[in-house]
């Protein structure tokens, strides 16, 4: 038995102020911002509105593995 950690990218909705994993929102578009950062357009699962956010890297979460 052990703990498995995975890094996942996330976005921050400016409307509801919640973090959402980028693979769990409805993806609309992605482009490079003026400082080279990745910006993702998506539909917020809370507000149901189109919005955009920088893509933040490396949010860790763990799962217990039963062996």
C-alpha atoms as a PDB file:
ATOM      1  CA  UNK A   1       0.000   0.000   0.000  1.00  0.00           C
ATOM      2  CA  UNK A   2       1.300   3.480  -0.818  1.00  0.00           C
ATOM      3  CA  UNK A   3       0.323   6.934  -1.912  1.00  0.00           C
ATOM      4  CA  UNK A   4       0.514   7.982  -5.542  1.00  0.00           C
ATOM      5  CA  UNK A   5       0.906  11.688  -6.316  1.00  0.00           C
ATOM      6  CA  UNK A   6       0.065  13.187  -9.673  1.00  0.00           C
ATOM      7  CA  UNK A   7       0.598  16.740 -10.852  1.00  0.00           C
ATOM      8  CA  UNK A   8      -2.313  18.296 -12.709  1.00  0.00           C
ATOM      9  CA  UNK A   9      -2.754  21.645 -14.375  1.00  0.00           C
ATOM     10  CA  UNK A  10      -5.493  23.941 -13.153  1.00  0.00           C
ATOM     11  CA  UNK A  11      -7.224  27.196 -14.067  1.00  0.00           C
ATOM     12  CA  UNK A  12      -8.732  29.872 -11.832  1.00  0.00           C
ATOM     13  CA  UNK A  13     -12.171  31.242 -12.681  1.00  0.00           C
ATOM     14  CA  UNK A  14     -12.264  35.030 -12.121  1.00  0.00           C
ATOM     15  CA  UNK A  15     -16.055  34.913 -11.641  1.00  0.00           C
ATOM     16  CA  UNK A  16     -16.514  32.210  -8.984  1.00  0.00           C
ATOM     17  CA  UNK A  17     -12.906  32.436  -7.661  1.00  0.00           C
ATOM     18  CA  UNK A  18     -12.544  28.645  -7.635  1.00  0.00           C
ATOM     19  CA  UNK A  19      -9.726  26.513  -9.002  1.00  0.00           C
ATOM     20  CA  UNK A  20     -10.700  23.844 -11.534  1.00  0.00           C
ATOM     21  CA  UNK A  21      -8.511  21.133 -13.019  1.00  0.00           C
ATOM     22  CA  UNK A  22      -7.967  22.013 -16.667  1.00  0.00           C
ATOM     23  CA  UNK A  23      -8.995  18.539 -17.842  1.00  0.00           C
ATOM     24  CA  UNK A  24     -12.340  18.799 -16.011  1.00  0.00           C
ATOM     25  CA  UNK A  25     -13.689  21.972 -17.647  1.00  0.00           C
ATOM     26  CA  UNK A  26     -15.132  22.461 -21.119  1.00  0.00           C
ATOM     27  CA  UNK A  27     -12.130  23.564 -23.196  1.00  0.00           C
ATOM     28  CA  UNK A  28     -12.766  26.300 -25.789  1.00  0.00           C
ATOM     29  CA  UNK A  29      -9.345  27.626 -26.849  1.00  0.00           C
ATOM     30  CA  UNK A  30      -5.748  28.065 -25.743  1.00  0.00           C
ATOM     31  CA  UNK A  31      -3.219  30.715 -26.709  1.00  0.00           C
ATOM     32  CA  UNK A  32       0.074  32.198 -25.592  1.00  0.00           C
ATOM     33  CA  UNK A  33      -0.236  35.354 -23.504  1.00  0.00           C
ATOM     34  CA  UNK A  34       1.881  38.462 -23.920  1.00  0.00           C
ATOM     35  CA  UNK A  35       4.491  37.184 -21.433  1.00  0.00           C
ATOM     36  CA  UNK A  36       4.650  33.658 -22.850  1.00  0.00           C
ATOM     37  CA  UNK A  37       2.194  32.092 -20.413  1.00  0.00           C
ATOM     38  CA  UNK A  38      -0.467  29.609 -21.515  1.00  0.00           C
ATOM     39  CA  UNK A  39      -3.973  31.092 -21.379  1.00  0.00           C
ATOM     40  CA  UNK A  40      -7.007  28.826 -21.636  1.00  0.00           C
ATOM     41  CA  UNK A  41     -10.558  29.808 -22.553  1.00  0.00           C
ATOM     42  CA  UNK A  42     -13.101  27.510 -20.934  1.00  0.00           C
ATOM     43  CA  UNK A  43     -16.642  27.221 -19.611  1.00  0.00           C
ATOM     44  CA  UNK A  44     -16.717  27.426 -15.815  1.00  0.00           C
ATOM     45  CA  UNK A  45     -18.596  24.445 -14.349  1.00  0.00           C
ATOM     46  CA  UNK A  46     -19.978  26.650 -11.541  1.00  0.00           C
ATOM     47  CA  UNK A  47     -21.141  29.801 -13.382  1.00  0.00           C
ATOM     48  CA  UNK A  48     -21.628  28.126 -16.807  1.00  0.00           C
ATOM     49  CA  UNK A  49     -20.034  31.222 -18.402  1.00  0.00           C
ATOM     50  CA  UNK A  50     -17.171  31.439 -20.874  1.00  0.00           C
ATOM     51  CA  UNK A  51     -14.043  32.807 -19.231  1.00  0.00           C
ATOM     52  CA  UNK A  52     -10.268  32.556 -19.448  1.00  0.00           C
ATOM     53  CA  UNK A  53      -7.362  32.034 -17.107  1.00  0.00           C
ATOM     54  CA  UNK A  54      -3.649  31.394 -17.076  1.00  0.00           C
ATOM     55  CA  UNK A  55      -2.900  27.687 -16.874  1.00  0.00           C
ATOM     56  CA  UNK A  56      -1.168  26.940 -13.583  1.00  0.00           C
ATOM     57  CA  UNK A  57       1.111  23.928 -13.395  1.00  0.00           C
ATOM     58  CA  UNK A  58       1.684  21.272 -10.830  1.00  0.00           C
ATOM     59  CA  UNK A  59      -1.240  21.068  -8.400  1.00  0.00           C
ATOM     60  CA  UNK A  60      -0.589  17.805  -6.568  1.00  0.00           C
ATOM     61  CA  UNK A  61      -3.171  15.405  -5.295  1.00  0.00           C
ATOM     62  CA  UNK A  62      -2.735  11.962  -3.864  1.00  0.00           C
ATOM     63  CA  UNK A  63      -4.490   8.645  -4.042  1.00  0.00           C
ATOM     64  CA  UNK A  64      -3.933   5.640  -1.869  1.00  0.00           C
ATOM     65  CA  UNK A  65      -2.980   2.510  -3.748  1.00  0.00           C
ATOM     66  CA  UNK A  66      -4.048  -0.790  -2.241  1.00  0.00           C
ATOM     67  CA  UNK A  67      -1.702  -3.573  -3.191  1.00  0.00           C
END
